Structures are given as structure tokens and as C-alpha cells.
Amino acid sequence: MELDEHGRTLCPSDVDPYRSADDVLHDLARAAELLGSAAQRVIGEKSAAIERHAHALAAALAARGNLQHLHRHP
């Protein structure tokens, strides 16, 4: 909730905001993969749709994190 409400303002002042955004986006990507796995365990079976969507979200977040990092460090 705090990340959703405050976003970039959570970045410590002594930390590069692009690096911080990259780190957070990669953490969120890992969380998306974990949520997909957890959802499949809850329903008790593999779901290609859940797996596909979780992976797509994770890939999009990681890619955006990479862009944040490249933007700061060309």
C-alpha cells in the first residue's frame, strides 16, 4: 500500500532514484512470479493462464526496471 501511495518518495535521499526504481521493479517482478505460483497452489493445479499472465507481468516489470537503469546509465 505504501509503495502504491508514495512511489518515488520512498527512495532514500542518498540513493540514485533510477537505481532504486530498478531494484523495486525487479522485486515486484519476483513477487509477480511468486503470486502466480501461490495462486496455482491455492487452486491445487497448474494453470497455463495464471502462469502465462504472472510471467508476462514479471517480464514487463523487469523490462521497465532495465529501462530505468539504462536511462540513468547509458
PDB file of N, CA and C in Angstrom:
ATOM      1  N   MET A   1       0.814  -1.189   0.000  1.00  0.00           N
ATOM      2  CA  MET A   1       0.000   0.000   0.000  1.00  0.00           C
ATOM      3  C   MET A   1       0.861   1.257   0.000  1.00  0.00           C
ATOM      4  N   GLU A   2       1.881   1.249   0.824  1.00  0.00           N
ATOM      5  CA  GLU A   2       2.731   2.434   0.917  1.00  0.00           C
ATOM      6  C   GLU A   2       3.419   2.706  -0.419  1.00  0.00           C
ATOM      7  N   LEU A   3       3.873   1.655  -1.080  1.00  0.00           N
ATOM      8  CA  LEU A   3       4.518   1.821  -2.378  1.00  0.00           C
ATOM      9  C   LEU A   3       3.537   2.400  -3.387  1.00  0.00           C
ATOM     10  N   ASP A   4       2.305   1.927  -3.343  1.00  0.00           N
ATOM     11  CA  ASP A   4       1.274   2.417  -4.250  1.00  0.00           C
ATOM     12  C   ASP A   4       0.947   3.887  -3.981  1.00  0.00           C
ATOM     13  N   GLU A   5       0.926   4.276  -2.728  1.00  0.00           N
ATOM     14  CA  GLU A   5       0.552   5.638  -2.367  1.00  0.00           C
ATOM     15  C   GLU A   5       1.691   6.646  -2.509  1.00  0.00           C
ATOM     16  N   HIS A   6       2.914   6.215  -2.265  1.00  0.00           N
ATOM     17  CA  HIS A   6       4.025   7.162  -2.193  1.00  0.00           C
ATOM     18  C   HIS A   6       5.086   6.997  -3.277  1.00  0.00           C
ATOM     19  N   GLY A   7       5.135   5.841  -3.907  1.00  0.00           N
ATOM     20  CA  GLY A   7       6.056   5.611  -5.021  1.00  0.00           C
ATOM     21  C   GLY A   7       7.469   6.111  -4.815  1.00  0.00           C
ATOM     22  N   ARG A   8       7.887   7.019  -5.674  1.00  0.00           N
ATOM     23  CA  ARG A   8       9.268   7.507  -5.680  1.00  0.00           C
ATOM     24  C   ARG A   8       9.680   8.228  -4.406  1.00  0.00           C
ATOM     25  N   THR A   9       8.737   8.766  -3.671  1.00  0.00           N
ATOM     26  CA  THR A   9       9.113   9.497  -2.455  1.00  0.00           C
ATOM     27  C   THR A   9       9.685   8.571  -1.389  1.00  0.00           C
ATOM     28  N   LEU A  10       9.555   7.266  -1.569  1.00  0.00           N
ATOM     29  CA  LEU A  10      10.117   6.314  -0.617  1.00  0.00           C
ATOM     30  C   LEU A  10      11.611   6.101  -0.824  1.00  0.00           C
ATOM     31  N   CYS A  11      12.136   6.578  -1.927  1.00  0.00           N
ATOM     32  CA  CYS A  11      13.561   6.421  -2.222  1.00  0.00           C
ATOM     33  C   CYS A  11      14.374   7.297  -1.255  1.00  0.00           C
ATOM     34  N   PRO A  12      15.320   6.684  -0.523  1.00  0.00           N
ATOM     35  CA  PRO A  12      16.164   7.492   0.368  1.00  0.00           C
ATOM     36  C   PRO A  12      16.917   8.566  -0.412  1.00  0.00           C
ATOM     37  N   SER A  13      17.149   9.686   0.220  1.00  0.00           N
ATOM     38  CA  SER A  13      17.770  10.821  -0.473  1.00  0.00           C
ATOM     39  C   SER A  13      19.193  10.535  -0.943  1.00  0.00           C
ATOM     40  N   ASP A  14      19.871   9.596  -0.310  1.00  0.00           N
ATOM     41  CA  ASP A  14      21.250   9.302  -0.695  1.00  0.00           C
ATOM     42  C   ASP A  14      21.361   8.165  -1.714  1.00  0.00           C
ATOM     43  N   VAL A  15      20.228   7.751  -2.275  1.00  0.00           N
ATOM     44  CA  VAL A  15      20.202   6.651  -3.243  1.00  0.00           C
ATOM     45  C   VAL A  15      19.749   7.188  -4.596  1.00  0.00           C
ATOM     46  N   ASP A  16      20.410   6.739  -5.641  1.00  0.00           N
ATOM     47  CA  ASP A  16      20.043   7.107  -7.010  1.00  0.00           C
ATOM     48  C   ASP A  16      18.604   6.644  -7.268  1.00  0.00           C
ATOM     49  N   PRO A  17      17.668   7.553  -7.586  1.00  0.00           N
ATOM     50  CA  PRO A  17      16.275   7.153  -7.772  1.00  0.00           C
ATOM     51  C   PRO A  17      16.071   6.185  -8.939  1.00  0.00           C
ATOM     52  N   TYR A  18      16.911   6.245  -9.952  1.00  0.00           N
ATOM     53  CA  TYR A  18      16.788   5.301 -11.064  1.00  0.00           C
ATOM     54  C   TYR A  18      17.194   3.901 -10.625  1.00  0.00           C
ATOM     55  N   ARG A  19      18.256   3.824  -9.835  1.00  0.00           N
ATOM     56  CA  ARG A  19      18.711   2.532  -9.320  1.00  0.00           C
ATOM     57  C   ARG A  19      17.671   1.960  -8.363  1.00  0.00           C
ATOM     58  N   SER A  20      17.121   2.829  -7.528  1.00  0.00           N
ATOM     59  CA  SER A  20      16.091   2.398  -6.593  1.00  0.00           C
ATOM     60  C   SER A  20      14.867   1.873  -7.347  1.00  0.00           C
ATOM     61  N   ALA A  21      14.439   2.593  -8.382  1.00  0.00           N
ATOM     62  CA  ALA A  21      13.293   2.155  -9.184  1.00  0.00           C
ATOM     63  C   ALA A  21      13.579   0.816  -9.841  1.00  0.00           C
ATOM     64  N   ASP A  22      14.790   0.643 -10.353  1.00  0.00           N
ATOM     65  CA  ASP A  22      15.187  -0.626 -10.966  1.00  0.00           C
ATOM     66  C   ASP A  22      15.079  -1.754  -9.943  1.00  0.00           C
ATOM     67  N   ASP A  23      15.603  -1.531  -8.753  1.00  0.00           N
ATOM     68  CA  ASP A  23      15.559  -2.555  -7.705  1.00  0.00           C
ATOM     69  C   ASP A  23      14.123  -2.899  -7.327  1.00  0.00           C
ATOM     70  N   VAL A  24      13.293  -1.874  -7.129  1.00  0.00           N
ATOM     71  CA  VAL A  24      11.900  -2.112  -6.737  1.00  0.00           C
ATOM     72  C   VAL A  24      11.147  -2.851  -7.844  1.00  0.00           C
ATOM     73  N   LEU A  25      11.339  -2.451  -9.082  1.00  0.00           N
ATOM     74  CA  LEU A  25      10.650  -3.114 -10.194  1.00  0.00           C
ATOM     75  C   LEU A  25      11.065  -4.573 -10.320  1.00  0.00           C
ATOM     76  N   HIS A  26      12.334  -4.875 -10.094  1.00  0.00           N
ATOM     77  CA  HIS A  26      12.776  -6.266 -10.137  1.00  0.00           C
ATOM     78  C   HIS A  26      12.221  -7.057  -8.954  1.00  0.00           C
ATOM     79  N   ASP A  27      12.114  -6.423  -7.786  1.00  0.00           N
ATOM     80  CA  ASP A  27      11.476  -7.086  -6.644  1.00  0.00           C
ATOM     81  C   ASP A  27      10.006  -7.370  -6.936  1.00  0.00           C
ATOM     82  N   LEU A  28       9.323  -6.416  -7.550  1.00  0.00           N
ATOM     83  CA  LEU A  28       7.920  -6.623  -7.919  1.00  0.00           C
ATOM     84  C   LEU A  28       7.781  -7.725  -8.967  1.00  0.00           C
ATOM     85  N   ALA A  29       8.744  -7.817  -9.872  1.00  0.00           N
ATOM     86  CA  ALA A  29       8.722  -8.892 -10.872  1.00  0.00           C
ATOM     87  C   ALA A  29       8.825 -10.256 -10.188  1.00  0.00           C
ATOM     88  N   ARG A  30       9.725 -10.370  -9.218  1.00  0.00           N
ATOM     89  CA  ARG A  30       9.840 -11.628  -8.476  1.00  0.00           C
ATOM     90  C   ARG A  30       8.540 -11.923  -7.719  1.00  0.00           C
ATOM     91  N   ALA A  31       7.926 -10.882  -7.163  1.00  0.00           N
ATOM     92  CA  ALA A  31       6.661 -11.064  -6.444  1.00  0.00           C
ATOM     93  C   ALA A  31       5.559 -11.537  -7.385  1.00  0.00           C
ATOM     94  N   ALA A  32       5.535 -11.032  -8.605  1.00  0.00           N
ATOM     95  CA  ALA A  32       4.524 -11.460  -9.581  1.00  0.00           C
ATOM     96  C   ALA A  32       4.660 -12.951  -9.873  1.00  0.00           C
ATOM     97  N   GLU A  33       5.892 -13.413 -10.027  1.00  0.00           N
ATOM     98  CA  GLU A  33       6.115 -14.845 -10.267  1.00  0.00           C
ATOM     99  C   GLU A  33       5.659 -15.669  -9.062  1.00  0.00           C
ATOM    100  N   LEU A  34       5.972 -15.188  -7.857  1.00  0.00           N
ATOM    101  CA  LEU A  34       5.564 -15.896  -6.638  1.00  0.00           C
ATOM    102  C   LEU A  34       4.049 -15.925  -6.483  1.00  0.00           C
ATOM    103  N   LEU A  35       3.386 -14.822  -6.835  1.00  0.00           N
ATOM    104  CA  LEU A  35       1.925 -14.793  -6.767  1.00  0.00           C
ATOM    105  C   LEU A  35       1.298 -15.804  -7.729  1.00  0.00           C
ATOM    106  N   GLY A  36       1.886 -15.907  -8.905  1.00  0.00           N
ATOM    107  CA  GLY A  36       1.391 -16.896  -9.863  1.00  0.00           C
ATOM    108  C   GLY A  36       1.526 -18.306  -9.321  1.00  0.00           C
ATOM    109  N   SER A  37       2.664 -18.600  -8.730  1.00  0.00           N
ATOM    110  CA  SER A  37       2.878 -19.927  -8.140  1.00  0.00           C
ATOM    111  C   SER A  37       1.929 -20.171  -6.977  1.00  0.00           C
ATOM    112  N   ALA A  38       1.764 -19.155  -6.123  1.00  0.00           N
ATOM    113  CA  ALA A  38       0.867 -19.292  -4.968  1.00  0.00           C
ATOM    114  C   ALA A  38      -0.573 -19.528  -5.429  1.00  0.00           C
ATOM    115  N   ALA A  39      -1.005 -18.810  -6.442  1.00  0.00           N
ATOM    116  CA  ALA A  39      -2.371 -18.976  -6.943  1.00  0.00           C
ATOM    117  C   ALA A  39      -2.584 -20.402  -7.451  1.00  0.00           C
ATOM    118  N   GLN A  40      -1.591 -20.946  -8.118  1.00  0.00           N
ATOM    119  CA  GLN A  40      -1.712 -22.315  -8.620  1.00  0.00           C
ATOM    120  C   GLN A  40      -1.764 -23.322  -7.471  1.00  0.00           C
ATOM    121  N   ARG A  41      -1.016 -23.058  -6.404  1.00  0.00           N
ATOM    122  CA  ARG A  41      -1.080 -23.954  -5.240  1.00  0.00           C
ATOM    123  C   ARG A  41      -2.450 -23.860  -4.564  1.00  0.00           C
ATOM    124  N   VAL A  42      -3.018 -22.657  -4.512  1.00  0.00           N
ATOM    125  CA  VAL A  42      -4.331 -22.479  -3.889  1.00  0.00           C
ATOM    126  C   VAL A  42      -5.406 -23.257  -4.642  1.00  0.00           C
ATOM    127  N   ILE A  43      -5.372 -23.190  -5.970  1.00  0.00           N
ATOM    128  CA  ILE A  43      -6.398 -23.914  -6.737  1.00  0.00           C
ATOM    129  C   ILE A  43      -6.073 -25.400  -6.864  1.00  0.00           C
ATOM    130  N   GLY A  44      -4.847 -25.786  -6.501  1.00  0.00           N
ATOM    131  CA  GLY A  44      -4.481 -27.196  -6.479  1.00  0.00           C
ATOM    132  C   GLY A  44      -4.138 -27.795  -7.822  1.00  0.00           C
ATOM    133  N   GLU A  45      -3.868 -26.935  -8.787  1.00  0.00           N
ATOM    134  CA  GLU A  45      -3.485 -27.454 -10.111  1.00  0.00           C
ATOM    135  C   GLU A  45      -2.729 -26.385 -10.884  1.00  0.00           C
ATOM    136  N   LYS A  46      -1.996 -26.857 -11.875  1.00  0.00           N
ATOM    137  CA  LYS A  46      -1.289 -25.931 -12.760  1.00  0.00           C
ATOM    138  C   LYS A  46      -2.309 -25.240 -13.647  1.00  0.00           C
ATOM    139  N   SER A  47      -2.085 -23.965 -13.859  1.00  0.00           N
ATOM    140  CA  SER A  47      -2.962 -23.192 -14.742  1.00  0.00           C
ATOM    141  C   SER A  47      -2.083 -22.453 -15.738  1.00  0.00           C
ATOM    142  N   ALA A  48      -2.202 -22.826 -16.977  1.00  0.00           N
ATOM    143  CA  ALA A  48      -1.395 -22.178 -18.017  1.00  0.00           C
ATOM    144  C   ALA A  48      -1.704 -20.675 -18.078  1.00  0.00           C
ATOM    145  N   ALA A  49      -2.955 -20.313 -17.884  1.00  0.00           N
ATOM    146  CA  ALA A  49      -3.338 -18.896 -17.951  1.00  0.00           C
ATOM    147  C   ALA A  49      -2.708 -18.107 -16.809  1.00  0.00           C
ATOM    148  N   ILE A  50      -2.782 -18.628 -15.586  1.00  0.00           N
ATOM    149  CA  ILE A  50      -2.168 -17.930 -14.453  1.00  0.00           C
ATOM    150  C   ILE A  50      -0.667 -17.830 -14.657  1.00  0.00           C
ATOM    151  N   GLU A  51      -0.052 -18.935 -15.043  1.00  0.00           N
ATOM    152  CA  GLU A  51       1.392 -18.936 -15.261  1.00  0.00           C
ATOM    153  C   GLU A  51       1.791 -17.941 -16.352  1.00  0.00           C
ATOM    154  N   ARG A  52       1.051 -17.912 -17.432  1.00  0.00           N
ATOM    155  CA  ARG A  52       1.338 -17.018 -18.550  1.00  0.00           C
ATOM    156  C   ARG A  52       1.198 -15.547 -18.139  1.00  0.00           C
ATOM    157  N   HIS A  53       0.127 -15.230 -17.437  1.00  0.00           N
ATOM    158  CA  HIS A  53      -0.100 -13.840 -17.023  1.00  0.00           C
ATOM    159  C   HIS A  53       0.897 -13.392 -15.962  1.00  0.00           C
ATOM    160  N   ALA A  54       1.210 -14.263 -15.019  1.00  0.00           N
ATOM    161  CA  ALA A  54       2.200 -13.925 -13.992  1.00  0.00           C
ATOM    162  C   ALA A  54       3.561 -13.684 -14.638  1.00  0.00           C
ATOM    163  N   HIS A  55       3.918 -14.540 -15.579  1.00  0.00           N
ATOM    164  CA  HIS A  55       5.198 -14.381 -16.263  1.00  0.00           C
ATOM    165  C   HIS A  55       5.208 -13.101 -17.107  1.00  0.00           C
ATOM    166  N   ALA A  56       4.109 -12.800 -17.774  1.00  0.00           N
ATOM    167  CA  ALA A  56       4.033 -11.582 -18.598  1.00  0.00           C
ATOM    168  C   ALA A  56       4.183 -10.338 -17.728  1.00  0.00           C
ATOM    169  N   LEU A  57       3.523 -10.318 -16.570  1.00  0.00           N
ATOM    170  CA  LEU A  57       3.645  -9.180 -15.667  1.00  0.00           C
ATOM    171  C   LEU A  57       5.079  -9.065 -15.157  1.00  0.00           C
ATOM    172  N   ALA A  58       5.654 -10.181 -14.751  1.00  0.00           N
ATOM    173  CA  ALA A  58       7.034 -10.173 -14.263  1.00  0.00           C
ATOM    174  C   ALA A  58       7.993  -9.671 -15.337  1.00  0.00           C
ATOM    175  N   ALA A  59       7.820 -10.131 -16.553  1.00  0.00           N
ATOM    176  CA  ALA A  59       8.695  -9.709 -17.657  1.00  0.00           C
ATOM    177  C   ALA A  59       8.539  -8.214 -17.935  1.00  0.00           C
ATOM    178  N   ALA A  60       7.310  -7.714 -17.908  1.00  0.00           N
ATOM    179  CA  ALA A  60       7.082  -6.288 -18.155  1.00  0.00           C
ATOM    180  C   ALA A  60       7.716  -5.436 -17.062  1.00  0.00           C
ATOM    181  N   LEU A  61       7.583  -5.856 -15.813  1.00  0.00           N
ATOM    182  CA  LEU A  61       8.181  -5.103 -14.702  1.00  0.00           C
ATOM    183  C   LEU A  61       9.705  -5.108 -14.787  1.00  0.00           C
ATOM    184  N   ALA A  62      10.275  -6.269 -15.061  1.00  0.00           N
ATOM    185  CA  ALA A  62      11.735  -6.370 -15.159  1.00  0.00           C
ATOM    186  C   ALA A  62      12.254  -5.550 -16.330  1.00  0.00           C
ATOM    187  N   ALA A  63      11.547  -5.590 -17.444  1.00  0.00           N
ATOM    188  CA  ALA A  63      11.970  -4.810 -18.609  1.00  0.00           C
ATOM    189  C   ALA A  63      11.930  -3.318 -18.301  1.00  0.00           C
ATOM    190  N   ARG A  64      10.899  -2.881 -17.617  1.00  0.00           N
ATOM    191  CA  ARG A  64      10.810  -1.463 -17.253  1.00  0.00           C
ATOM    192  C   ARG A  64      11.928  -1.089 -16.276  1.00  0.00           C
ATOM    193  N   GLY A  65      12.246  -1.995 -15.374  1.00  0.00           N
ATOM    194  CA  GLY A  65      13.365  -1.761 -14.470  1.00  0.00           C
ATOM    195  C   GLY A  65      14.663  -1.619 -15.235  1.00  0.00           C
ATOM    196  N   ASN A  66      14.850  -2.454 -16.232  1.00  0.00           N
ATOM    197  CA  ASN A  66      16.057  -2.365 -17.055  1.00  0.00           C
ATOM    198  C   ASN A  66      16.111  -1.036 -17.789  1.00  0.00           C
ATOM    199  N   LEU A  67      14.959  -0.552 -18.263  1.00  0.00           N
ATOM    200  CA  LEU A  67      14.921   0.745 -18.941  1.00  0.00           C
ATOM    201  C   LEU A  67      15.265   1.875 -17.978  1.00  0.00           C
ATOM    202  N   GLN A  68      14.784   1.768 -16.740  1.00  0.00           N
ATOM    203  CA  GLN A  68      15.113   2.777 -15.732  1.00  0.00           C
ATOM    204  C   GLN A  68      16.628   2.847 -15.550  1.00  0.00           C
ATOM    205  N   HIS A  69      17.236   1.674 -15.446  1.00  0.00           N
ATOM    206  CA  HIS A  69      18.683   1.611 -15.228  1.00  0.00           C
ATOM    207  C   HIS A  69      19.439   2.142 -16.446  1.00  0.00           C
ATOM    208  N   LEU A  70      18.991   1.767 -17.638  1.00  0.00           N
ATOM    209  CA  LEU A  70      19.668   2.239 -18.855  1.00  0.00           C
ATOM    210  C   LEU A  70      19.495   3.736 -19.040  1.00  0.00           C
ATOM    211  N   HIS A  71      18.341   4.257 -18.659  1.00  0.00           N
ATOM    212  CA  HIS A  71      18.087   5.685 -18.771  1.00  0.00           C
ATOM    213  C   HIS A  71      19.116   6.487 -17.960  1.00  0.00           C
ATOM    214  N   ARG A  72      19.449   5.944 -16.810  1.00  0.00           N
ATOM    215  CA  ARG A  72      20.386   6.632 -15.915  1.00  0.00           C
ATOM    216  C   ARG A  72      21.835   6.353 -16.303  1.00  0.00           C
ATOM    217  N   HIS A  73      22.101   5.169 -16.837  1.00  0.00           N
ATOM    218  CA  HIS A  73      23.477   4.751 -17.156  1.00  0.00           C
ATOM    219  C   HIS A  73      23.569   4.315 -18.615  1.00  0.00           C
ATOM    220  N   PRO A  74      23.523   5.271 -19.560  1.00  0.00           N
ATOM    221  CA  PRO A  74      23.547   4.890 -20.979  1.00  0.00           C
ATOM    222  C   PRO A  74      24.860   4.273 -21.398  1.00  0.00           C
TER     223      PRO A  74
END
